Amino acid sequence: MQLNPYLIFNSQCEAAFNYYAKHLNGKIEMMMRFGDSPAAADVPEHAKQDVIHARMTINGQVLMGSDAGKPEHYAKPQGFSVSINTSSIDEAERIFKALADGGTVQMPIQQTFWAIRFGMLTDRFGTPWMVNCENAA
């Protein structure tokens, strides 16, 4: 069994996935648009270029997402964060800085009692993240 985050965007999936691929060293494996899918007839014309399904691999892990398709189907993410764990302070700080650019920082990246570095933010696309670099065992 494998658990994968699936993020829903408000017509920003393509931009978000391109940003994540660049800054998280990911590879977009698939990106299909509503207009190229069997659902094309049920989507407003302005949403035909929105993403119905995207799949990215990041260091062997999978991140998936799509656009909501219709504005009334979009809900702001809440009650979760996508957590990134690194083994390097430099990598944690680099990732945090990239994701925080244009976003909102809830907790600046810093040392905590459980981690060498930990920070929380919501990126420019509305996705909540936690970046963690734990202490050595």
Protein backbone atom coordinates (compact mmCIF):
# COMPACT_ATOMS: atom_id res chain seq x y z
CA MET A 1 0.00 0.00 0.00
CA GLN A 2 1.15 3.51 -0.77
CA LEU A 3 -0.35 6.81 0.44
CA ASN A 4 -0.02 9.82 -1.85
CA PRO A 5 -1.11 13.41 -1.36
CA TYR A 6 -3.62 14.53 -4.01
CA LEU A 7 -3.89 18.31 -4.20
CA ILE A 8 -6.85 20.17 -5.70
CA PHE A 9 -6.22 23.62 -7.21
CA ASN A 10 -8.36 26.49 -8.44
CA SER A 11 -7.03 26.54 -12.04
CA GLN A 12 -3.40 26.62 -10.81
CA CYS A 13 -2.41 22.94 -10.97
CA GLU A 14 -0.11 23.29 -13.97
CA ALA A 15 1.68 26.33 -12.51
CA ALA A 16 1.97 24.66 -9.10
CA PHE A 17 3.32 21.38 -10.48
CA ASN A 18 5.85 23.21 -12.66
CA TYR A 19 6.97 25.19 -9.60
CA TYR A 20 7.20 22.06 -7.42
CA ALA A 21 9.09 20.16 -10.13
CA LYS A 22 11.64 22.96 -10.34
CA HIS A 23 12.14 23.54 -6.62
CA LEU A 24 11.64 19.99 -5.28
CA ASN A 25 13.63 18.31 -8.07
CA GLY A 26 10.52 16.50 -9.23
CA LYS A 27 9.58 14.99 -12.55
CA ILE A 28 6.10 15.46 -13.99
CA GLU A 29 5.07 12.04 -15.25
CA MET A 30 1.59 12.95 -16.49
CA MET A 31 -0.55 16.02 -17.02
CA MET A 32 -3.95 15.62 -18.70
CA ARG A 33 -6.35 18.48 -19.35
CA PHE A 34 -10.13 18.44 -18.95
CA GLY A 35 -10.47 19.29 -22.64
CA ASP A 36 -8.58 16.12 -23.61
CA SER A 37 -10.61 13.82 -21.35
CA PRO A 38 -13.99 12.08 -21.51
CA ALA A 39 -15.23 14.81 -19.11
CA ALA A 40 -14.66 17.56 -21.72
CA ALA A 41 -18.35 17.98 -22.52
CA ASP A 42 -19.20 18.66 -18.85
CA VAL A 43 -16.58 21.38 -18.31
CA PRO A 44 -17.04 25.09 -19.10
CA GLU A 45 -15.04 26.29 -22.10
CA HIS A 46 -12.72 28.41 -19.93
CA ALA A 47 -11.74 25.30 -17.90
CA LYS A 48 -10.86 23.02 -20.83
CA GLN A 49 -7.15 23.85 -20.35
CA ASP A 50 -7.33 23.10 -16.61
CA VAL A 51 -5.67 19.91 -15.40
CA ILE A 52 -7.90 16.90 -14.71
CA HIS A 53 -4.98 14.79 -13.44
CA ALA A 54 -1.28 15.35 -12.81
CA ARG A 55 1.32 12.97 -11.40
CA MET A 56 4.83 13.86 -10.28
CA THR A 57 7.61 11.83 -8.72
CA ILE A 58 9.93 13.44 -6.20
CA ASN A 59 12.78 11.28 -4.97
CA GLY A 60 10.72 8.11 -5.46
CA GLN A 61 7.59 9.59 -3.86
CA VAL A 62 4.40 10.47 -5.73
CA LEU A 63 2.48 13.75 -5.62
CA MET A 64 -0.76 13.99 -7.57
CA GLY A 65 -3.21 16.77 -8.22
CA SER A 66 -5.80 18.41 -10.43
CA ASP A 67 -7.83 21.55 -10.86
CA ALA A 68 -11.35 21.58 -9.42
CA GLY A 69 -12.89 21.92 -12.89
CA LYS A 70 -15.52 24.38 -11.74
CA PRO A 71 -15.02 27.22 -9.24
CA GLU A 72 -17.87 25.95 -7.05
CA HIS A 73 -16.05 22.60 -6.70
CA TYR A 74 -12.91 24.20 -5.23
CA ALA A 75 -12.41 24.30 -1.46
CA LYS A 76 -9.45 25.92 0.28
CA PRO A 77 -7.12 23.25 1.74
CA GLN A 78 -7.36 22.96 5.51
CA GLY A 79 -6.70 20.47 8.26
CA PHE A 80 -3.54 18.99 6.71
CA SER A 81 -0.04 19.84 5.51
CA VAL A 82 2.23 18.18 3.01
CA SER A 83 5.29 17.28 5.06
CA ILE A 84 8.77 17.23 3.56
CA ASN A 85 11.57 15.60 5.53
CA THR A 86 15.18 16.18 4.57
CA SER A 87 18.48 14.99 6.00
CA SER A 88 20.25 18.29 5.29
CA ILE A 89 19.86 21.70 6.93
CA ASP A 90 20.81 23.39 3.64
CA GLU A 91 18.18 21.41 1.71
CA ALA A 92 15.50 22.15 4.32
CA GLU A 93 16.27 25.87 4.20
CA ARG A 94 16.40 25.92 0.37
CA ILE A 95 13.05 24.15 0.06
CA PHE A 96 11.42 26.32 2.73
CA LYS A 97 12.62 29.51 1.03
CA ALA A 98 11.35 28.36 -2.39
CA LEU A 99 7.92 27.31 -1.09
CA ALA A 100 7.57 30.46 1.05
CA ASP A 101 8.24 32.75 -1.94
CA GLY A 102 4.89 34.44 -2.57
CA GLY A 103 3.27 32.43 0.22
CA THR A 104 2.53 32.91 3.92
CA VAL A 105 4.86 31.68 6.65
CA GLN A 106 3.11 30.39 9.76
CA MET A 107 6.35 29.36 11.52
CA PRO A 108 9.76 30.44 10.22
CA ILE A 109 12.23 27.63 9.67
CA GLN A 110 14.23 27.22 12.86
CA GLN A 111 15.64 24.76 15.35
CA THR A 112 13.08 23.09 17.60
CA PHE A 113 13.31 20.56 20.40
CA TRP A 114 12.70 17.73 17.90
CA ALA A 115 14.44 19.02 14.77
CA ILE A 116 17.53 20.80 13.55
CA ARG A 117 15.17 22.75 11.27
CA PHE A 118 11.38 22.94 11.09
CA GLY A 119 9.04 25.46 9.52
CA MET A 120 5.42 25.77 8.36
CA LEU A 121 3.98 27.76 5.48
CA THR A 122 1.25 27.99 2.89
CA ASP A 123 2.66 28.43 -0.60
CA ARG A 124 1.50 30.84 -3.31
CA PHE A 125 -0.90 28.17 -4.62
CA GLY A 126 -2.63 27.69 -1.25
CA THR A 127 -0.95 24.39 -0.32
CA PRO A 128 0.07 24.04 3.34
CA TRP A 129 3.58 22.61 3.90
CA MET A 130 5.80 21.54 6.79
CA VAL A 131 9.55 21.33 6.14
CA ASN A 132 11.44 19.18 8.65
CA CYS A 133 15.07 18.19 9.14
CA GLU A 134 15.19 15.98 12.23
CA ASN A 135 18.07 15.66 14.64
CA ALA A 136 20.47 12.80 14.07
CA ALA A 137 19.42 9.66 15.94
